[in-house]
Amino acid sequence: MSQHHAAAFFKAVQQDYILQNRLQATSDPEALVKIANERGYSVTETEIEEWLDQLPESELAALFNPGIGGRQRLIPR
């Protein structure tokens, strides 16, 4: 259930530029948990780490650096 909260939190992050900026401004896991809890997501540092460990590297990069990632073409070559 808690990893579900972590997944829901990071889904919200992808849609909220202000939240993205707050996460990019911190590298402290405790601050990350505090931000999630402020938004109503009941998670712990361990639960977030477990959920992040399951993500492919490309999704992880897109989560913390939206707009920076592998190039995708609209029209395939």
PDB file of N, CA and C in Angstrom:
ATOM      1  N   MET A   1       0.828  -1.191   0.000  1.00  0.00           N
ATOM      2  CA  MET A   1       0.000   0.000   0.000  1.00  0.00           C
ATOM      3  C   MET A   1       0.872   1.253   0.000  1.00  0.00           C
ATOM      4  N   SER A   2       1.938   1.267   0.759  1.00  0.00           N
ATOM      5  CA  SER A   2       2.785   2.444   0.858  1.00  0.00           C
ATOM      6  C   SER A   2       3.512   2.732  -0.443  1.00  0.00           C
ATOM      7  N   GLN A   3       3.952   1.668  -1.144  1.00  0.00           N
ATOM      8  CA  GLN A   3       4.587   1.897  -2.438  1.00  0.00           C
ATOM      9  C   GLN A   3       3.564   2.457  -3.413  1.00  0.00           C
ATOM     10  N   HIS A   4       2.305   2.114  -3.212  1.00  0.00           N
ATOM     11  CA  HIS A   4       1.238   2.700  -4.030  1.00  0.00           C
ATOM     12  C   HIS A   4       1.196   4.209  -3.796  1.00  0.00           C
ATOM     13  N   HIS A   5       1.361   4.627  -2.538  1.00  0.00           N
ATOM     14  CA  HIS A   5       1.399   6.059  -2.222  1.00  0.00           C
ATOM     15  C   HIS A   5       2.612   6.719  -2.872  1.00  0.00           C
ATOM     16  N   ALA A   6       3.745   6.033  -2.856  1.00  0.00           N
ATOM     17  CA  ALA A   6       4.951   6.578  -3.488  1.00  0.00           C
ATOM     18  C   ALA A   6       4.736   6.732  -4.982  1.00  0.00           C
ATOM     19  N   ALA A   7       4.138   5.729  -5.611  1.00  0.00           N
ATOM     20  CA  ALA A   7       3.867   5.798  -7.052  1.00  0.00           C
ATOM     21  C   ALA A   7       2.901   6.934  -7.362  1.00  0.00           C
ATOM     22  N   ALA A   8       1.870   7.083  -6.542  1.00  0.00           N
ATOM     23  CA  ALA A   8       0.896   8.158  -6.751  1.00  0.00           C
ATOM     24  C   ALA A   8       1.555   9.522  -6.568  1.00  0.00           C
ATOM     25  N   PHE A   9       2.443   9.631  -5.589  1.00  0.00           N
ATOM     26  CA  PHE A   9       3.148  10.889  -5.358  1.00  0.00           C
ATOM     27  C   PHE A   9       3.992  11.269  -6.565  1.00  0.00           C
ATOM     28  N   PHE A  10       4.759  10.323  -7.088  1.00  0.00           N
ATOM     29  CA  PHE A  10       5.623  10.641  -8.217  1.00  0.00           C
ATOM     30  C   PHE A  10       4.831  10.867  -9.498  1.00  0.00           C
ATOM     31  N   LYS A  11       3.656  10.285  -9.595  1.00  0.00           N
ATOM     32  CA  LYS A  11       2.781  10.593 -10.731  1.00  0.00           C
ATOM     33  C   LYS A  11       2.322  12.048 -10.629  1.00  0.00           C
ATOM     34  N   ALA A  12       2.001  12.481  -9.415  1.00  0.00           N
ATOM     35  CA  ALA A  12       1.614  13.879  -9.197  1.00  0.00           C
ATOM     36  C   ALA A  12       2.778  14.812  -9.513  1.00  0.00           C
ATOM     37  N   VAL A  13       3.986  14.395  -9.183  1.00  0.00           N
ATOM     38  CA  VAL A  13       5.179  15.204  -9.457  1.00  0.00           C
ATOM     39  C   VAL A  13       5.315  15.455 -10.953  1.00  0.00           C
ATOM     40  N   GLN A  14       5.057  14.438 -11.754  1.00  0.00           N
ATOM     41  CA  GLN A  14       5.194  14.571 -13.203  1.00  0.00           C
ATOM     42  C   GLN A  14       4.237  15.605 -13.775  1.00  0.00           C
ATOM     43  N   GLN A  15       3.157  15.898 -13.077  1.00  0.00           N
ATOM     44  CA  GLN A  15       2.147  16.818 -13.589  1.00  0.00           C
ATOM     45  C   GLN A  15       2.199  18.193 -12.929  1.00  0.00           C
ATOM     46  N   ASP A  16       3.082  18.391 -11.971  1.00  0.00           N
ATOM     47  CA  ASP A  16       3.108  19.628 -11.191  1.00  0.00           C
ATOM     48  C   ASP A  16       4.512  20.238 -11.244  1.00  0.00           C
ATOM     49  N   TYR A  17       4.666  21.317 -12.020  1.00  0.00           N
ATOM     50  CA  TYR A  17       5.981  21.935 -12.201  1.00  0.00           C
ATOM     51  C   TYR A  17       6.536  22.524 -10.906  1.00  0.00           C
ATOM     52  N   ILE A  18       5.679  23.051 -10.062  1.00  0.00           N
ATOM     53  CA  ILE A  18       6.150  23.608  -8.790  1.00  0.00           C
ATOM     54  C   ILE A  18       6.722  22.500  -7.915  1.00  0.00           C
ATOM     55  N   LEU A  19       6.031  21.384  -7.881  1.00  0.00           N
ATOM     56  CA  LEU A  19       6.504  20.235  -7.115  1.00  0.00           C
ATOM     57  C   LEU A  19       7.810  19.693  -7.698  1.00  0.00           C
ATOM     58  N   GLN A  20       7.913  19.671  -9.011  1.00  0.00           N
ATOM     59  CA  GLN A  20       9.155  19.240  -9.663  1.00  0.00           C
ATOM     60  C   GLN A  20      10.316  20.125  -9.225  1.00  0.00           C
ATOM     61  N   ASN A  21      10.086  21.424  -9.202  1.00  0.00           N
ATOM     62  CA  ASN A  21      11.143  22.360  -8.799  1.00  0.00           C
ATOM     63  C   ASN A  21      11.559  22.145  -7.350  1.00  0.00           C
ATOM     64  N   ARG A  22      10.586  21.871  -6.482  1.00  0.00           N
ATOM     65  CA  ARG A  22      10.910  21.620  -5.073  1.00  0.00           C
ATOM     66  C   ARG A  22      11.773  20.370  -4.929  1.00  0.00           C
ATOM     67  N   LEU A  23      11.441  19.330  -5.687  1.00  0.00           N
ATOM     68  CA  LEU A  23      12.216  18.092  -5.592  1.00  0.00           C
ATOM     69  C   LEU A  23      13.610  18.264  -6.179  1.00  0.00           C
ATOM     70  N   GLN A  24      13.710  19.023  -7.259  1.00  0.00           N
ATOM     71  CA  GLN A  24      15.016  19.246  -7.874  1.00  0.00           C
ATOM     72  C   GLN A  24      15.912  20.085  -6.978  1.00  0.00           C
ATOM     73  N   ALA A  25      15.315  20.886  -6.110  1.00  0.00           N
ATOM     74  CA  ALA A  25      16.089  21.765  -5.236  1.00  0.00           C
ATOM     75  C   ALA A  25      16.644  21.034  -4.014  1.00  0.00           C
ATOM     76  N   THR A  26      16.242  19.789  -3.812  1.00  0.00           N
ATOM     77  CA  THR A  26      16.732  19.047  -2.652  1.00  0.00           C
ATOM     78  C   THR A  26      17.363  17.728  -3.064  1.00  0.00           C
ATOM     79  N   SER A  27      18.367  17.336  -2.320  1.00  0.00           N
ATOM     80  CA  SER A  27      18.951  16.009  -2.518  1.00  0.00           C
ATOM     81  C   SER A  27      18.829  15.208  -1.226  1.00  0.00           C
ATOM     82  N   ASP A  28      18.131  15.778  -0.265  1.00  0.00           N
ATOM     83  CA  ASP A  28      17.957  15.171   1.043  1.00  0.00           C
ATOM     84  C   ASP A  28      16.727  14.262   1.047  1.00  0.00           C
ATOM     85  N   PRO A  29      16.897  12.962   1.274  1.00  0.00           N
ATOM     86  CA  PRO A  29      15.751  12.048   1.278  1.00  0.00           C
ATOM     87  C   PRO A  29      14.691  12.411   2.316  1.00  0.00           C
ATOM     88  N   GLU A  30      15.119  12.939   3.462  1.00  0.00           N
ATOM     89  CA  GLU A  30      14.154  13.334   4.487  1.00  0.00           C
ATOM     90  C   GLU A  30      13.274  14.478   3.992  1.00  0.00           C
ATOM     91  N   ALA A  31      13.853  15.396   3.247  1.00  0.00           N
ATOM     92  CA  ALA A  31      13.079  16.502   2.689  1.00  0.00           C
ATOM     93  C   ALA A  31      12.083  15.990   1.661  1.00  0.00           C
ATOM     94  N   LEU A  32      12.484  14.999   0.892  1.00  0.00           N
ATOM     95  CA  LEU A  32      11.597  14.385  -0.092  1.00  0.00           C
ATOM     96  C   LEU A  32      10.381  13.780   0.595  1.00  0.00           C
ATOM     97  N   VAL A  33      10.604  13.062   1.687  1.00  0.00           N
ATOM     98  CA  VAL A  33       9.509  12.461   2.454  1.00  0.00           C
ATOM     99  C   VAL A  33       8.616  13.555   3.030  1.00  0.00           C
ATOM    100  N   LYS A  34       9.224  14.617   3.526  1.00  0.00           N
ATOM    101  CA  LYS A  34       8.451  15.722   4.101  1.00  0.00           C
ATOM    102  C   LYS A  34       7.547  16.354   3.043  1.00  0.00           C
ATOM    103  N   ILE A  35       8.077  16.561   1.848  1.00  0.00           N
ATOM    104  CA  ILE A  35       7.283  17.136   0.757  1.00  0.00           C
ATOM    105  C   ILE A  35       6.123  16.211   0.411  1.00  0.00           C
ATOM    106  N   ALA A  36       6.390  14.916   0.328  1.00  0.00           N
ATOM    107  CA  ALA A  36       5.330  13.944   0.021  1.00  0.00           C
ATOM    108  C   ALA A  36       4.262  13.958   1.106  1.00  0.00           C
ATOM    109  N   ASN A  37       4.678  13.980   2.358  1.00  0.00           N
ATOM    110  CA  ASN A  37       3.725  13.988   3.464  1.00  0.00           C
ATOM    111  C   ASN A  37       2.894  15.265   3.488  1.00  0.00           C
ATOM    112  N   GLU A  38       3.514  16.407   3.150  1.00  0.00           N
ATOM    113  CA  GLU A  38       2.777  17.671   3.073  1.00  0.00           C
ATOM    114  C   GLU A  38       1.665  17.599   2.038  1.00  0.00           C
ATOM    115  N   ARG A  39       1.907  16.827   0.987  1.00  0.00           N
ATOM    116  CA  ARG A  39       0.922  16.676  -0.087  1.00  0.00           C
ATOM    117  C   ARG A  39      -0.102  15.581   0.204  1.00  0.00           C
ATOM    118  N   GLY A  40      -0.012  14.964   1.385  1.00  0.00           N
ATOM    119  CA  GLY A  40      -0.996  13.961   1.778  1.00  0.00           C
ATOM    120  C   GLY A  40      -0.634  12.529   1.427  1.00  0.00           C
ATOM    121  N   TYR A  41       0.615  12.300   1.017  1.00  0.00           N
ATOM    122  CA  TYR A  41       1.070  10.951   0.687  1.00  0.00           C
ATOM    123  C   TYR A  41       1.847  10.402   1.877  1.00  0.00           C
ATOM    124  N   SER A  42       1.320   9.365   2.493  1.00  0.00           N
ATOM    125  CA  SER A  42       1.931   8.775   3.678  1.00  0.00           C
ATOM    126  C   SER A  42       2.996   7.768   3.253  1.00  0.00           C
ATOM    127  N   VAL A  43       4.243   8.226   3.188  1.00  0.00           N
ATOM    128  CA  VAL A  43       5.348   7.369   2.757  1.00  0.00           C
ATOM    129  C   VAL A  43       6.542   7.568   3.680  1.00  0.00           C
ATOM    130  N   THR A  44       7.425   6.601   3.650  1.00  0.00           N
ATOM    131  CA  THR A  44       8.681   6.700   4.393  1.00  0.00           C
ATOM    132  C   THR A  44       9.830   6.756   3.393  1.00  0.00           C
ATOM    133  N   GLU A  45      10.988   7.086   3.899  1.00  0.00           N
ATOM    134  CA  GLU A  45      12.182   7.146   3.050  1.00  0.00           C
ATOM    135  C   GLU A  45      12.458   5.780   2.417  1.00  0.00           C
ATOM    136  N   THR A  46      12.310   4.723   3.187  1.00  0.00           N
ATOM    137  CA  THR A  46      12.550   3.364   2.686  1.00  0.00           C
ATOM    138  C   THR A  46      11.585   3.010   1.568  1.00  0.00           C
ATOM    139  N   GLU A  47      10.321   3.354   1.731  1.00  0.00           N
ATOM    140  CA  GLU A  47       9.314   3.041   0.711  1.00  0.00           C
ATOM    141  C   GLU A  47       9.595   3.782  -0.589  1.00  0.00           C
ATOM    142  N   ILE A  48      10.012   5.030  -0.475  1.00  0.00           N
ATOM    143  CA  ILE A  48      10.346   5.794  -1.677  1.00  0.00           C
ATOM    144  C   ILE A  48      11.564   5.181  -2.362  1.00  0.00           C
ATOM    145  N   GLU A  49      12.582   4.833  -1.581  1.00  0.00           N
ATOM    146  CA  GLU A  49      13.780   4.218  -2.160  1.00  0.00           C
ATOM    147  C   GLU A  49      13.450   2.905  -2.860  1.00  0.00           C
ATOM    148  N   GLU A  50      12.604   2.083  -2.248  1.00  0.00           N
ATOM    149  CA  GLU A  50      12.217   0.806  -2.861  1.00  0.00           C
ATOM    150  C   GLU A  50      11.488   1.044  -4.177  1.00  0.00           C
ATOM    151  N   TRP A  51      10.597   2.026  -4.192  1.00  0.00           N
ATOM    152  CA  TRP A  51       9.839   2.308  -5.409  1.00  0.00           C
ATOM    153  C   TRP A  51      10.765   2.845  -6.501  1.00  0.00           C
ATOM    154  N   LEU A  52      11.675   3.745  -6.133  1.00  0.00           N
ATOM    155  CA  LEU A  52      12.601   4.305  -7.113  1.00  0.00           C
ATOM    156  C   LEU A  52      13.544   3.240  -7.670  1.00  0.00           C
ATOM    157  N   ASP A  53      13.927   2.284  -6.832  1.00  0.00           N
ATOM    158  CA  ASP A  53      14.815   1.208  -7.284  1.00  0.00           C
ATOM    159  C   ASP A  53      14.170   0.349  -8.363  1.00  0.00           C
ATOM    160  N   GLN A  54      12.851   0.327  -8.414  1.00  0.00           N
ATOM    161  CA  GLN A  54      12.137  -0.486  -9.395  1.00  0.00           C
ATOM    162  C   GLN A  54      12.029   0.198 -10.757  1.00  0.00           C
ATOM    163  N   LEU A  55      12.284   1.499 -10.802  1.00  0.00           N
ATOM    164  CA  LEU A  55      12.127   2.241 -12.051  1.00  0.00           C
ATOM    165  C   LEU A  55      13.312   2.027 -12.985  1.00  0.00           C
ATOM    166  N   PRO A  56      13.038   1.936 -14.283  1.00  0.00           N
ATOM    167  CA  PRO A  56      14.144   1.938 -15.249  1.00  0.00           C
ATOM    168  C   PRO A  56      14.859   3.290 -15.191  1.00  0.00           C
ATOM    169  N   GLU A  57      16.121   3.304 -15.553  1.00  0.00           N
ATOM    170  CA  GLU A  57      16.931   4.520 -15.464  1.00  0.00           C
ATOM    171  C   GLU A  57      16.324   5.680 -16.255  1.00  0.00           C
ATOM    172  N   SER A  58      15.744   5.389 -17.408  1.00  0.00           N
ATOM    173  CA  SER A  58      15.168   6.454 -18.235  1.00  0.00           C
ATOM    174  C   SER A  58      13.976   7.113 -17.544  1.00  0.00           C
ATOM    175  N   GLU A  59      13.139   6.322 -16.872  1.00  0.00           N
ATOM    176  CA  GLU A  59      11.995   6.892 -16.156  1.00  0.00           C
ATOM    177  C   GLU A  59      12.453   7.686 -14.943  1.00  0.00           C
ATOM    178  N   LEU A  60      13.483   7.197 -14.287  1.00  0.00           N
ATOM    179  CA  LEU A  60      14.025   7.901 -13.133  1.00  0.00           C
ATOM    180  C   LEU A  60      14.590   9.257 -13.545  1.00  0.00           C
ATOM    181  N   ALA A  61      15.317   9.289 -14.653  1.00  0.00           N
ATOM    182  CA  ALA A  61      15.870  10.547 -15.159  1.00  0.00           C
ATOM    183  C   ALA A  61      14.759  11.511 -15.543  1.00  0.00           C
ATOM    184  N   ALA A  62      13.717  11.012 -16.176  1.00  0.00           N
ATOM    185  CA  ALA A  62      12.602  11.868 -16.581  1.00  0.00           C
ATOM    186  C   ALA A  62      11.863  12.421 -15.372  1.00  0.00           C
ATOM    187  N   LEU A  63      11.827  11.657 -14.302  1.00  0.00           N
ATOM    188  CA  LEU A  63      11.132  12.083 -13.098  1.00  0.00           C
ATOM    189  C   LEU A  63      11.841  13.248 -12.423  1.00  0.00           C
ATOM    190  N   PHE A  64      13.157  13.156 -12.315  1.00  0.00           N
ATOM    191  CA  PHE A  64      13.906  14.188 -11.615  1.00  0.00           C
ATOM    192  C   PHE A  64      14.443  15.277 -12.526  1.00  0.00           C
ATOM    193  N   ASN A  65      14.455  15.039 -13.818  1.00  0.00           N
ATOM    194  CA  ASN A  65      14.891  16.036 -14.790  1.00  0.00           C
ATOM    195  C   ASN A  65      13.906  16.062 -15.947  1.00  0.00           C
ATOM    196  N   PRO A  66      12.671  16.481 -15.687  1.00  0.00           N
ATOM    197  CA  PRO A  66      11.703  16.480 -16.784  1.00  0.00           C
ATOM    198  C   PRO A  66      12.177  17.391 -17.903  1.00  0.00           C
ATOM    199  N   GLY A  67      12.036  16.947 -19.099  1.00  0.00           N
ATOM    200  CA  GLY A  67      12.499  17.728 -20.233  1.00  0.00           C
ATOM    201  C   GLY A  67      13.902  17.342 -20.656  1.00  0.00           C
ATOM    202  N   ILE A  68      14.606  16.626 -19.792  1.00  0.00           N
ATOM    203  CA  ILE A  68      15.931  16.138 -20.149  1.00  0.00           C
ATOM    204  C   ILE A  68      15.835  14.624 -20.197  1.00  0.00           C
ATOM    205  N   GLY A  69      16.083  14.103 -21.325  1.00  0.00           N
ATOM    206  CA  GLY A  69      15.983  12.655 -21.449  1.00  0.00           C
ATOM    207  C   GLY A  69      16.371  12.254 -22.846  1.00  0.00           C
ATOM    208  N   GLY A  70      16.152  11.010 -23.135  1.00  0.00           N
ATOM    209  CA  GLY A  70      16.461  10.517 -24.462  1.00  0.00           C
ATOM    210  C   GLY A  70      15.593  11.196 -25.507  1.00  0.00           C
ATOM    211  N   ARG A  71      16.149  11.407 -26.666  1.00  0.00           N
ATOM    212  CA  ARG A  71      15.385  12.026 -27.748  1.00  0.00           C
ATOM    213  C   ARG A  71      14.372  11.052 -28.290  1.00  0.00           C
ATOM    214  N   GLN A  72      13.204  11.562 -28.537  1.00  0.00           N
ATOM    215  CA  GLN A  72      12.170  10.763 -29.168  1.00  0.00           C
ATOM    216  C   GLN A  72      11.695  11.536 -30.380  1.00  0.00           C
ATOM    217  N   ARG A  73      11.628  10.875 -31.473  1.00  0.00           N
ATOM    218  CA  ARG A  73      11.223  11.533 -32.709  1.00  0.00           C
ATOM    219  C   ARG A  73       9.724  11.410 -32.900  1.00  0.00           C
ATOM    220  N   LEU A  74       9.125  12.492 -33.386  1.00  0.00           N
ATOM    221  CA  LEU A  74       7.702  12.451 -33.703  1.00  0.00           C
ATOM    222  C   LEU A  74       7.453  11.586 -34.926  1.00  0.00           C
ATOM    223  N   ILE A  75       8.355  11.696 -35.878  1.00  0.00           N
ATOM    224  CA  ILE A  75       8.246  10.891 -37.093  1.00  0.00           C
ATOM    225  C   ILE A  75       9.461   9.974 -37.124  1.00  0.00           C
ATOM    226  N   PRO A  76       9.246   8.655 -36.997  1.00  0.00           N
ATOM    227  CA  PRO A  76      10.388   7.739 -36.986  1.00  0.00           C
ATOM    228  C   PRO A  76      11.149   7.782 -38.298  1.00  0.00           C
ATOM    229  N   ARG A  77      12.430   7.586 -38.230  1.00  0.00           N
ATOM    230  CA  ARG A  77      13.265   7.566 -39.432  1.00  0.00           C
ATOM    231  C   ARG A  77      13.217   6.230 -40.081  1.00  0.00           C
TER     232      ARG A  77
END
